[in-house]
Each structure stands twice: as structure tokens, then as C-alpha cells.
PDB file of N, CA and C in Angstrom:
ATOM      1  N   MET A   1       0.848  -1.174   0.000  1.00  0.00           N
ATOM      2  CA  MET A   1       0.000   0.000   0.000  1.00  0.00           C
ATOM      3  C   MET A   1       0.894   1.239   0.000  1.00  0.00           C
ATOM      4  N   ASP A   2       0.536   2.209  -0.811  1.00  0.00           N
ATOM      5  CA  ASP A   2       1.358   3.404  -0.966  1.00  0.00           C
ATOM      6  C   ASP A   2       0.702   4.623  -0.332  1.00  0.00           C
ATOM      7  N   LEU A   3       0.126   4.481   0.825  1.00  0.00           N
ATOM      8  CA  LEU A   3      -0.528   5.598   1.513  1.00  0.00           C
ATOM      9  C   LEU A   3       0.075   5.775   2.897  1.00  0.00           C
ATOM     10  N   GLN A   4       0.295   7.015   3.296  1.00  0.00           N
ATOM     11  CA  GLN A   4       0.728   7.337   4.657  1.00  0.00           C
ATOM     12  C   GLN A   4      -0.284   8.336   5.215  1.00  0.00           C
ATOM     13  N   PRO A   5      -1.044   7.950   6.242  1.00  0.00           N
ATOM     14  CA  PRO A   5      -2.028   8.873   6.806  1.00  0.00           C
ATOM     15  C   PRO A   5      -1.355  10.051   7.510  1.00  0.00           C
ATOM     16  N   LEU A   6      -2.025  11.183   7.500  1.00  0.00           N
ATOM     17  CA  LEU A   6      -1.526  12.391   8.143  1.00  0.00           C
ATOM     18  C   LEU A   6      -2.285  12.660   9.434  1.00  0.00           C
ATOM     19  N   GLY A   7      -1.653  13.359  10.361  1.00  0.00           N
ATOM     20  CA  GLY A   7      -2.320  13.773  11.600  1.00  0.00           C
ATOM     21  C   GLY A   7      -2.862  12.598  12.380  1.00  0.00           C
ATOM     22  N   ASP A   8      -4.110  12.731  12.838  1.00  0.00           N
ATOM     23  CA  ASP A   8      -4.719  11.691  13.674  1.00  0.00           C
ATOM     24  C   ASP A   8      -5.578  10.735  12.849  1.00  0.00           C
ATOM     25  N   ARG A   9      -5.130  10.421  11.651  1.00  0.00           N
ATOM     26  CA  ARG A   9      -5.901   9.547  10.777  1.00  0.00           C
ATOM     27  C   ARG A   9      -5.286   8.147  10.706  1.00  0.00           C
ATOM     28  N   LEU A  10      -6.154   7.190  10.349  1.00  0.00           N
ATOM     29  CA  LEU A  10      -5.775   5.779  10.219  1.00  0.00           C
ATOM     30  C   LEU A  10      -6.253   5.281   8.873  1.00  0.00           C
ATOM     31  N   ILE A  11      -5.550   4.316   8.320  1.00  0.00           N
ATOM     32  CA  ILE A  11      -6.038   3.616   7.134  1.00  0.00           C
ATOM     33  C   ILE A  11      -6.462   2.236   7.598  1.00  0.00           C
ATOM     34  N   VAL A  12      -7.713   1.885   7.267  1.00  0.00           N
ATOM     35  CA  VAL A  12      -8.326   0.669   7.789  1.00  0.00           C
ATOM     36  C   VAL A  12      -8.863  -0.161   6.631  1.00  0.00           C
ATOM     37  N   GLU A  13      -8.707  -1.468   6.760  1.00  0.00           N
ATOM     38  CA  GLU A  13      -9.316  -2.409   5.826  1.00  0.00           C
ATOM     39  C   GLU A  13     -10.541  -2.988   6.529  1.00  0.00           C
ATOM     40  N   ALA A  14     -11.711  -2.814   5.925  1.00  0.00           N
ATOM     41  CA  ALA A  14     -12.944  -3.324   6.529  1.00  0.00           C
ATOM     42  C   ALA A  14     -12.937  -4.849   6.493  1.00  0.00           C
ATOM     43  N   LEU A  15     -13.372  -5.460   7.586  1.00  0.00           N
ATOM     44  CA  LEU A  15     -13.492  -6.912   7.657  1.00  0.00           C
ATOM     45  C   LEU A  15     -14.941  -7.271   7.376  1.00  0.00           C
ATOM     46  N   GLU A  16     -15.140  -8.111   6.395  1.00  0.00           N
ATOM     47  CA  GLU A  16     -16.495  -8.486   5.994  1.00  0.00           C
ATOM     48  C   GLU A  16     -17.116  -9.425   7.022  1.00  0.00           C
ATOM     49  N   GLU A  17     -18.389  -9.217   7.264  1.00  0.00           N
ATOM     50  CA  GLU A  17     -19.132 -10.074   8.172  1.00  0.00           C
ATOM     51  C   GLU A  17     -19.679 -11.271   7.400  1.00  0.00           C
ATOM     52  N   GLU A  18     -20.256 -12.230   8.115  1.00  0.00           N
ATOM     53  CA  GLU A  18     -20.827 -13.418   7.500  1.00  0.00           C
ATOM     54  C   GLU A  18     -21.921 -13.034   6.516  1.00  0.00           C
ATOM     55  N   GLU A  19     -21.995 -13.734   5.389  1.00  0.00           N
ATOM     56  CA  GLU A  19     -22.905 -13.365   4.318  1.00  0.00           C
ATOM     57  C   GLU A  19     -24.193 -14.168   4.294  1.00  0.00           C
ATOM     58  N   THR A  20     -24.429 -15.043   5.280  1.00  0.00           N
ATOM     59  CA  THR A  20     -25.674 -15.806   5.318  1.00  0.00           C
ATOM     60  C   THR A  20     -26.369 -15.593   6.655  1.00  0.00           C
ATOM     61  N   THR A  21     -27.682 -15.728   6.650  1.00  0.00           N
ATOM     62  CA  THR A  21     -28.452 -15.594   7.888  1.00  0.00           C
ATOM     63  C   THR A  21     -28.404 -16.916   8.641  1.00  0.00           C
ATOM     64  N   ASP A  22     -28.961 -16.932   9.860  1.00  0.00           N
ATOM     65  CA  ASP A  22     -28.988 -18.159  10.654  1.00  0.00           C
ATOM     66  C   ASP A  22     -29.758 -19.275   9.947  1.00  0.00           C
ATOM     67  N   SER A  23     -30.754 -18.896   9.141  1.00  0.00           N
ATOM     68  CA  SER A  23     -31.552 -19.898   8.446  1.00  0.00           C
ATOM     69  C   SER A  23     -30.932 -20.320   7.122  1.00  0.00           C
ATOM     70  N   GLY A  24     -29.750 -19.780   6.787  1.00  0.00           N
ATOM     71  CA  GLY A  24     -29.037 -20.208   5.592  1.00  0.00           C
ATOM     72  C   GLY A  24     -29.285 -19.369   4.355  1.00  0.00           C
ATOM     73  N   ILE A  25     -29.977 -18.247   4.488  1.00  0.00           N
ATOM     74  CA  ILE A  25     -30.247 -17.382   3.336  1.00  0.00           C
ATOM     75  C   ILE A  25     -29.006 -16.533   3.054  1.00  0.00           C
ATOM     76  N   VAL A  26     -28.572 -16.544   1.811  1.00  0.00           N
ATOM     77  CA  VAL A  26     -27.407 -15.750   1.412  1.00  0.00           C
ATOM     78  C   VAL A  26     -27.864 -14.325   1.141  1.00  0.00           C
ATOM     79  N   LEU A  27     -27.194 -13.358   1.768  1.00  0.00           N
ATOM     80  CA  LEU A  27     -27.560 -11.954   1.609  1.00  0.00           C
ATOM     81  C   LEU A  27     -26.795 -11.315   0.456  1.00  0.00           C
ATOM     82  N   PRO A  28     -27.501 -10.605  -0.442  1.00  0.00           N
ATOM     83  CA  PRO A  28     -26.797  -9.877  -1.496  1.00  0.00           C
ATOM     84  C   PRO A  28     -26.124  -8.642  -0.909  1.00  0.00           C
ATOM     85  N   ASP A  29     -25.164  -8.076  -1.663  1.00  0.00           N
ATOM     86  CA  ASP A  29     -24.424  -6.902  -1.189  1.00  0.00           C
ATOM     87  C   ASP A  29     -25.340  -5.749  -0.821  1.00  0.00           C
ATOM     88  N   THR A  30     -26.443  -5.573  -1.540  1.00  0.00           N
ATOM     89  CA  THR A  30     -27.331  -4.440  -1.282  1.00  0.00           C
ATOM     90  C   THR A  30     -28.108  -4.580   0.019  1.00  0.00           C
ATOM     91  N   ALA A  31     -28.244  -5.796   0.541  1.00  0.00           N
ATOM     92  CA  ALA A  31     -29.006  -6.014   1.774  1.00  0.00           C
ATOM     93  C   ALA A  31     -28.121  -6.061   3.012  1.00  0.00           C
ATOM     94  N   LYS A  32     -26.814  -6.059   2.825  1.00  0.00           N
ATOM     95  CA  LYS A  32     -25.909  -6.177   3.955  1.00  0.00           C
ATOM     96  C   LYS A  32     -25.743  -4.851   4.682  1.00  0.00           C
ATOM     97  N   GLU A  33     -25.515  -4.956   5.977  1.00  0.00           N
ATOM     98  CA  GLU A  33     -25.160  -3.785   6.787  1.00  0.00           C
ATOM     99  C   GLU A  33     -23.745  -3.364   6.423  1.00  0.00           C
ATOM    100  N   LYS A  34     -23.459  -2.096   6.548  1.00  0.00           N
ATOM    101  CA  LYS A  34     -22.110  -1.596   6.331  1.00  0.00           C
ATOM    102  C   LYS A  34     -21.213  -2.152   7.443  1.00  0.00           C
ATOM    103  N   PRO A  35     -20.018  -2.676   7.108  1.00  0.00           N
ATOM    104  CA  PRO A  35     -19.166  -3.233   8.169  1.00  0.00           C
ATOM    105  C   PRO A  35     -18.716  -2.151   9.151  1.00  0.00           C
ATOM    106  N   GLN A  36     -18.537  -2.552  10.402  1.00  0.00           N
ATOM    107  CA  GLN A  36     -18.074  -1.635  11.433  1.00  0.00           C
ATOM    108  C   GLN A  36     -16.817  -2.168  12.103  1.00  0.00           C
ATOM    109  N   ARG A  37     -16.262  -3.207  11.550  1.00  0.00           N
ATOM    110  CA  ARG A  37     -15.082  -3.838  12.123  1.00  0.00           C
ATOM    111  C   ARG A  37     -13.987  -3.821  11.065  1.00  0.00           C
ATOM    112  N   GLY A  38     -12.770  -3.498  11.478  1.00  0.00           N
ATOM    113  CA  GLY A  38     -11.694  -3.432  10.506  1.00  0.00           C
ATOM    114  C   GLY A  38     -10.334  -3.668  11.124  1.00  0.00           C
ATOM    115  N   ARG A  39      -9.327  -3.767  10.257  1.00  0.00           N
ATOM    116  CA  ARG A  39      -7.948  -3.964  10.689  1.00  0.00           C
ATOM    117  C   ARG A  39      -7.152  -2.735  10.291  1.00  0.00           C
ATOM    118  N   VAL A  40      -6.387  -2.208  11.234  1.00  0.00           N
ATOM    119  CA  VAL A  40      -5.577  -1.010  11.003  1.00  0.00           C
ATOM    120  C   VAL A  40      -4.381  -1.381  10.123  1.00  0.00           C
ATOM    121  N   LEU A  41      -4.237  -0.680   8.991  1.00  0.00           N
ATOM    122  CA  LEU A  41      -3.128  -0.927   8.072  1.00  0.00           C
ATOM    123  C   LEU A  41      -2.013   0.091   8.230  1.00  0.00           C
ATOM    124  N   ALA A  42      -2.363   1.327   8.580  1.00  0.00           N
ATOM    125  CA  ALA A  42      -1.359   2.381   8.761  1.00  0.00           C
ATOM    126  C   ALA A  42      -1.888   3.407   9.750  1.00  0.00           C
ATOM    127  N   VAL A  43      -0.971   4.029  10.492  1.00  0.00           N
ATOM    128  CA  VAL A  43      -1.323   4.999  11.531  1.00  0.00           C
ATOM    129  C   VAL A  43      -0.541   6.277  11.292  1.00  0.00           C
ATOM    130  N   GLY A  44      -1.236   7.414  11.352  1.00  0.00           N
ATOM    131  CA  GLY A  44      -0.570   8.707  11.223  1.00  0.00           C
ATOM    132  C   GLY A  44       0.224   9.039  12.482  1.00  0.00           C
ATOM    133  N   PRO A  45       0.969  10.137  12.459  1.00  0.00           N
ATOM    134  CA  PRO A  45       1.806  10.500  13.603  1.00  0.00           C
ATOM    135  C   PRO A  45       1.014  10.994  14.815  1.00  0.00           C
ATOM    136  N   GLY A  46      -0.240  11.355  14.639  1.00  0.00           N
ATOM    137  CA  GLY A  46      -1.064  11.865  15.736  1.00  0.00           C
ATOM    138  C   GLY A  46      -1.335  13.348  15.562  1.00  0.00           C
ATOM    139  N   SER A  47      -2.208  13.857  16.399  1.00  0.00           N
ATOM    140  CA  SER A  47      -2.516  15.291  16.341  1.00  0.00           C
ATOM    141  C   SER A  47      -1.449  16.063  17.116  1.00  0.00           C
ATOM    142  N   ARG A  48      -1.440  17.367  16.945  1.00  0.00           N
ATOM    143  CA  ARG A  48      -0.458  18.198  17.655  1.00  0.00           C
ATOM    144  C   ARG A  48      -1.138  18.877  18.844  1.00  0.00           C
ATOM    145  N   ASN A  49      -0.381  19.028  19.934  1.00  0.00           N
ATOM    146  CA  ASN A  49      -0.907  19.731  21.107  1.00  0.00           C
ATOM    147  C   ASN A  49      -0.605  21.223  20.975  1.00  0.00           C
ATOM    148  N   GLU A  50      -0.876  21.987  22.011  1.00  0.00           N
ATOM    149  CA  GLU A  50      -0.690  23.445  21.973  1.00  0.00           C
ATOM    150  C   GLU A  50       0.768  23.857  21.777  1.00  0.00           C
ATOM    151  N   ASP A  51       1.704  22.988  22.162  1.00  0.00           N
ATOM    152  CA  ASP A  51       3.123  23.285  22.018  1.00  0.00           C
ATOM    153  C   ASP A  51       3.680  22.835  20.666  1.00  0.00           C
ATOM    154  N   GLY A  52       2.824  22.266  19.819  1.00  0.00           N
ATOM    155  CA  GLY A  52       3.268  21.804  18.507  1.00  0.00           C
ATOM    156  C   GLY A  52       3.856  20.412  18.505  1.00  0.00           C
ATOM    157  N   GLU A  53       3.795  19.715  19.631  1.00  0.00           N
ATOM    158  CA  GLU A  53       4.333  18.361  19.717  1.00  0.00           C
ATOM    159  C   GLU A  53       3.240  17.353  19.361  1.00  0.00           C
ATOM    160  N   TYR A  54       3.652  16.250  18.733  1.00  0.00           N
ATOM    161  CA  TYR A  54       2.691  15.207  18.377  1.00  0.00           C
ATOM    162  C   TYR A  54       2.189  14.465  19.606  1.00  0.00           C
ATOM    163  N   VAL A  55       0.887  14.216  19.641  1.00  0.00           N
ATOM    164  CA  VAL A  55       0.268  13.360  20.654  1.00  0.00           C
ATOM    165  C   VAL A  55       0.006  12.041  19.945  1.00  0.00           C
ATOM    166  N   PRO A  56       0.740  10.965  20.290  1.00  0.00           N
ATOM    167  CA  PRO A  56       0.625   9.714  19.540  1.00  0.00           C
ATOM    168  C   PRO A  56      -0.769   9.089  19.634  1.00  0.00           C
ATOM    169  N   ILE A  57      -1.112   8.348  18.597  1.00  0.00           N
ATOM    170  CA  ILE A  57      -2.392   7.637  18.529  1.00  0.00           C
ATOM    171  C   ILE A  57      -2.289   6.361  19.356  1.00  0.00           C
ATOM    172  N   ASP A  58      -3.391   5.974  19.999  1.00  0.00           N
ATOM    173  CA  ASP A  58      -3.411   4.797  20.870  1.00  0.00           C
ATOM    174  C   ASP A  58      -3.565   3.475  20.115  1.00  0.00           C
ATOM    175  N   LEU A  59      -3.410   3.491  18.814  1.00  0.00           N
ATOM    176  CA  LEU A  59      -3.587   2.288  18.004  1.00  0.00           C
ATOM    177  C   LEU A  59      -2.298   1.981  17.255  1.00  0.00           C
ATOM    178  N   ALA A  60      -2.159   0.721  16.855  1.00  0.00           N
ATOM    179  CA  ALA A  60      -0.977   0.299  16.103  1.00  0.00           C
ATOM    180  C   ALA A  60      -1.416  -0.512  14.885  1.00  0.00           C
ATOM    181  N   GLU A  61      -0.534  -0.610  13.919  1.00  0.00           N
ATOM    182  CA  GLU A  61      -0.822  -1.407  12.731  1.00  0.00           C
ATOM    183  C   GLU A  61      -1.120  -2.843  13.122  1.00  0.00           C
ATOM    184  N   GLY A  62      -2.101  -3.440  12.449  1.00  0.00           N
ATOM    185  CA  GLY A  62      -2.459  -4.830  12.688  1.00  0.00           C
ATOM    186  C   GLY A  62      -3.555  -5.034  13.713  1.00  0.00           C
ATOM    187  N   GLU A  63      -3.893  -4.000  14.479  1.00  0.00           N
ATOM    188  CA  GLU A  63      -4.945  -4.155  15.492  1.00  0.00           C
ATOM    189  C   GLU A  63      -6.321  -4.149  14.833  1.00  0.00           C
ATOM    190  N   GLU A  64      -7.240  -4.864  15.459  1.00  0.00           N
ATOM    191  CA  GLU A  64      -8.611  -4.915  14.983  1.00  0.00           C
ATOM    192  C   GLU A  64      -9.423  -3.911  15.782  1.00  0.00           C
ATOM    193  N   ILE A  65     -10.287  -3.146  15.089  1.00  0.00           N
ATOM    194  CA  ILE A  65     -11.049  -2.084  15.738  1.00  0.00           C
ATOM    195  C   ILE A  65     -12.521  -2.143  15.352  1.00  0.00           C
ATOM    196  N   ILE A  66     -13.325  -1.469  16.160  1.00  0.00           N
ATOM    197  CA  ILE A  66     -14.726  -1.212  15.853  1.00  0.00           C
ATOM    198  C   ILE A  66     -14.827   0.287  15.629  1.00  0.00           C
ATOM    199  N   TYR A  67     -15.426   0.692  14.516  1.00  0.00           N
ATOM    200  CA  TYR A  67     -15.525   2.114  14.207  1.00  0.00           C
ATOM    201  C   TYR A  67     -16.972   2.512  13.953  1.00  0.00           C
ATOM    202  N   SER A  68     -17.240   3.815  13.994  1.00  0.00           N
ATOM    203  CA  SER A  68     -18.603   4.300  13.817  1.00  0.00           C
ATOM    204  C   SER A  68     -19.102   3.949  12.413  1.00  0.00           C
ATOM    205  N   LYS A  69     -20.385   3.685  12.316  1.00  0.00           N
ATOM    206  CA  LYS A  69     -20.985   3.134  11.112  1.00  0.00           C
ATOM    207  C   LYS A  69     -20.745   3.976   9.861  1.00  0.00           C
ATOM    208  N   TYR A  70     -20.895   5.270   9.970  1.00  0.00           N
ATOM    209  CA  TYR A  70     -20.756   6.121   8.791  1.00  0.00           C
ATOM    210  C   TYR A  70     -19.548   7.040   8.889  1.00  0.00           C
ATOM    211  N   GLY A  71     -18.560   6.663   9.682  1.00  0.00           N
ATOM    212  CA  GLY A  71     -17.363   7.481   9.843  1.00  0.00           C
ATOM    213  C   GLY A  71     -16.371   7.237   8.713  1.00  0.00           C
ATOM    214  N   GLY A  72     -15.509   8.194   8.487  1.00  0.00           N
ATOM    215  CA  GLY A  72     -14.408   8.032   7.553  1.00  0.00           C
ATOM    216  C   GLY A  72     -14.738   8.283   6.100  1.00  0.00           C
ATOM    217  N   THR A  73     -13.728   8.119   5.277  1.00  0.00           N
ATOM    218  CA  THR A  73     -13.825   8.311   3.837  1.00  0.00           C
ATOM    219  C   THR A  73     -13.385   7.035   3.147  1.00  0.00           C
ATOM    220  N   GLU A  74     -14.240   6.510   2.269  1.00  0.00           N
ATOM    221  CA  GLU A  74     -13.898   5.298   1.539  1.00  0.00           C
ATOM    222  C   GLU A  74     -13.071   5.664   0.319  1.00  0.00           C
ATOM    223  N   ILE A  75     -11.993   4.908   0.080  1.00  0.00           N
ATOM    224  CA  ILE A  75     -11.168   5.121  -1.105  1.00  0.00           C
ATOM    225  C   ILE A  75     -10.904   3.781  -1.773  1.00  0.00           C
ATOM    226  N   LYS A  76     -10.604   3.823  -3.051  1.00  0.00           N
ATOM    227  CA  LYS A  76     -10.312   2.604  -3.797  1.00  0.00           C
ATOM    228  C   LYS A  76      -8.975   2.781  -4.497  1.00  0.00           C
ATOM    229  N   LEU A  77      -8.059   1.843  -4.284  1.00  0.00           N
ATOM    230  CA  LEU A  77      -6.757   1.823  -4.952  1.00  0.00           C
ATOM    231  C   LEU A  77      -6.677   0.526  -5.741  1.00  0.00           C
ATOM    232  N   GLY A  78      -6.788   0.625  -7.042  1.00  0.00           N
ATOM    233  CA  GLY A  78      -6.829  -0.579  -7.869  1.00  0.00           C
ATOM    234  C   GLY A  78      -8.103  -1.341  -7.559  1.00  0.00           C
ATOM    235  N   THR A  79      -7.952  -2.580  -7.133  1.00  0.00           N
ATOM    236  CA  THR A  79      -9.116  -3.389  -6.776  1.00  0.00           C
ATOM    237  C   THR A  79      -9.378  -3.395  -5.275  1.00  0.00           C
ATOM    238  N   ASP A  80      -8.482  -2.774  -4.494  1.00  0.00           N
ATOM    239  CA  ASP A  80      -8.599  -2.774  -3.034  1.00  0.00           C
ATOM    240  C   ASP A  80      -9.359  -1.549  -2.551  1.00  0.00           C
ATOM    241  N   GLU A  81     -10.192  -1.757  -1.533  1.00  0.00           N
ATOM    242  CA  GLU A  81     -10.940  -0.658  -0.928  1.00  0.00           C
ATOM    243  C   GLU A  81     -10.479  -0.454   0.509  1.00  0.00           C
ATOM    244  N   TYR A  82     -10.274   0.801   0.873  1.00  0.00           N
ATOM    245  CA  TYR A  82      -9.805   1.154   2.211  1.00  0.00           C
ATOM    246  C   TYR A  82     -10.692   2.247   2.781  1.00  0.00           C
ATOM    247  N   LEU A  83     -10.519   2.487   4.054  1.00  0.00           N
ATOM    248  CA  LEU A  83     -11.254   3.523   4.763  1.00  0.00           C
ATOM    249  C   LEU A  83     -10.236   4.381   5.503  1.00  0.00           C
ATOM    250  N   ILE A  84     -10.350   5.703   5.354  1.00  0.00           N
ATOM    251  CA  ILE A  84      -9.498   6.610   6.113  1.00  0.00           C
ATOM    252  C   ILE A  84     -10.354   7.188   7.233  1.00  0.00           C
ATOM    253  N   LEU A  85      -9.967   6.919   8.476  1.00  0.00           N
ATOM    254  CA  LEU A  85     -10.728   7.332   9.655  1.00  0.00           C
ATOM    255  C   LEU A  85      -9.911   8.278  10.516  1.00  0.00           C
ATOM    256  N   ARG A  86     -10.581   9.145  11.233  1.00  0.00           N
ATOM    257  CA  ARG A  86      -9.933   9.907  12.297  1.00  0.00           C
ATOM    258  C   ARG A  86      -9.907   9.013  13.535  1.00  0.00           C
ATOM    259  N   GLU A  87      -8.976   9.280  14.420  1.00  0.00           N
ATOM    260  CA  GLU A  87      -8.907   8.501  15.661  1.00  0.00           C
ATOM    261  C   GLU A  87     -10.219   8.602  16.439  1.00  0.00           C
ATOM    262  N   SER A  88     -10.894   9.736  16.368  1.00  0.00           N
ATOM    263  CA  SER A  88     -12.145   9.923  17.105  1.00  0.00           C
ATOM    264  C   SER A  88     -13.293   9.078  16.545  1.00  0.00           C
ATOM    265  N   ASP A  89     -13.173   8.554  15.306  1.00  0.00           N
ATOM    266  CA  ASP A  89     -14.198   7.679  14.729  1.00  0.00           C
ATOM    267  C   ASP A  89     -14.081   6.244  15.249  1.00  0.00           C
ATOM    268  N   VAL A  90     -12.960   5.925  15.895  1.00  0.00           N
ATOM    269  CA  VAL A  90     -12.754   4.580  16.429  1.00  0.00           C
ATOM    270  C   VAL A  90     -13.452   4.488  17.782  1.00  0.00           C
ATOM    271  N   LEU A  91     -14.312   3.481  17.902  1.00  0.00           N
ATOM    272  CA  LEU A  91     -15.090   3.307  19.129  1.00  0.00           C
ATOM    273  C   LEU A  91     -14.408   2.377  20.122  1.00  0.00           C
ATOM    274  N   ALA A  92     -13.711   1.338  19.618  1.00  0.00           N
ATOM    275  CA  ALA A  92     -13.094   0.360  20.518  1.00  0.00           C
ATOM    276  C   ALA A  92     -12.033  -0.441  19.789  1.00  0.00           C
ATOM    277  N   LYS A  93     -11.132  -1.027  20.575  1.00  0.00           N
ATOM    278  CA  LYS A  93     -10.140  -1.979  20.086  1.00  0.00           C
ATOM    279  C   LYS A  93     -10.658  -3.367  20.414  1.00  0.00           C
ATOM    280  N   VAL A  94     -10.510  -4.308  19.492  1.00  0.00           N
ATOM    281  CA  VAL A  94     -10.917  -5.687  19.753  1.00  0.00           C
ATOM    282  C   VAL A  94      -9.742  -6.384  20.422  1.00  0.00           C
ATOM    283  N   VAL A  95      -9.978  -6.897  21.642  1.00  0.00           N
ATOM    284  CA  VAL A  95      -8.940  -7.618  22.372  1.00  0.00           C
ATOM    285  C   VAL A  95      -9.449  -9.014  22.700  1.00  0.00           C
ATOM    286  N   GLY A  96      -8.569  -9.964  22.756  1.00  0.00           N
ATOM    287  CA  GLY A  96      -8.975 -11.335  23.063  1.00  0.00           C
ATOM    288  C   GLY A  96      -9.482 -12.040  21.818  1.00  0.00           C
ATOM    289  N   THR A  97      -9.986 -13.258  22.021  1.00  0.00           N
ATOM    290  CA  THR A  97     -10.433 -14.073  20.900  1.00  0.00           C
ATOM    291  C   THR A  97     -11.884 -14.491  21.035  1.00  0.00           C
ATOM    292  N   ARG A  98     -12.668 -13.752  21.770  1.00  0.00           N
ATOM    293  CA  ARG A  98     -14.066 -14.091  21.993  1.00  0.00           C
ATOM    294  C   ARG A  98     -14.848 -14.026  20.687  1.00  0.00           C
ATOM    295  N   GLU A  99     -15.754 -14.992  20.484  1.00  0.00           N
ATOM    296  CA  GLU A  99     -16.600 -15.037  19.292  1.00  0.00           C
ATOM    297  C   GLU A  99     -17.655 -13.936  19.361  1.00  0.00           C
ATOM    298  N   PRO A 100     -18.007 -13.316  18.235  1.00  0.00           N
ATOM    299  CA  PRO A 100     -19.083 -12.318  18.236  1.00  0.00           C
ATOM    300  C   PRO A 100     -20.404 -12.959  18.630  1.00  0.00           C
ATOM    301  N   ALA A 101     -21.312 -12.161  19.171  1.00  0.00           N
ATOM    302  CA  ALA A 101     -22.629 -12.654  19.598  1.00  0.00           C
ATOM    303  C   ALA A 101     -23.337 -13.287  18.396  1.00  0.00           C
ATOM    304  N   GLY A 102     -23.920 -14.444  18.619  1.00  0.00           N
ATOM    305  CA  GLY A 102     -24.661 -15.128  17.559  1.00  0.00           C
ATOM    306  C   GLY A 102     -23.806 -15.997  16.664  1.00  0.00           C
ATOM    307  N   ALA A 103     -22.497 -15.998  16.847  1.00  0.00           N
ATOM    308  CA  ALA A 103     -21.617 -16.817  16.000  1.00  0.00           C
ATOM    309  C   ALA A 103     -21.684 -18.264  16.455  1.00  0.00           C
ATOM    310  N   LYS A 104     -21.562 -19.163  15.496  1.00  0.00           N
ATOM    311  CA  LYS A 104     -21.597 -20.586  15.820  1.00  0.00           C
ATOM    312  C   LYS A 104     -20.205 -21.170  15.695  1.00  0.00           C
ATOM    313  N   ALA A 105     -19.848 -22.018  16.631  1.00  0.00           N
ATOM    314  CA  ALA A 105     -18.502 -22.623  16.623  1.00  0.00           C
ATOM    315  C   ALA A 105     -18.459 -23.843  15.741  1.00  0.00           C
TER     316      ALA A 105
END
């Protein structure tokens, strides 16, 4: 990837959710919810404080996050689609290996 985010921005790859319902119905792209879970691909240097010094972002490359549903800007590079988010659009970091609610093992 040839992008470097600026300021308090992140480049995120959206993680697709399961494409079938519990009853086995396959959902078309138009019926799916917009993903809210993604993997951080790149992190900007952070915002600047009053003294002009960078305040680092609390996220690192490779971490999985939950972000606001309509936050960020979608971009397409070749066949790949990415999302550029501000740090404030990130709601949570995914920690541990717990299965999402409703997932079957």
C-alpha cells in the first residue's frame, strides 16, 4: 500500500461479516449492513498539542477495531478498498479471541 495517513488519521481495511443468515439465506451486497469492524493498516503521527508536539495515537498497525458506522472516507486503490478514519471515529479496540454474539462454533 502506498498511503501514509496524516495527523490523527488511520487507514483501515474493513473486515467483511458473514454473508448468510442463521436460516441459511445468502444476503446480497445491497441487503448487507455496512461493516463496522476493521484492521488497522497504517497509523498517522497523531494530532499536535498546543506546544506543537505530536500526541501519539493509541492504536498500532495490525490491530482490529470497531468504528462508527458512517465514519471516515472510503477510497479505492486498484481493486482494493480502504477507509481513512480519524482517531475519534474509532469506538473500541478488539482484544482477546471471543466469538461475536450469535456466532456458531
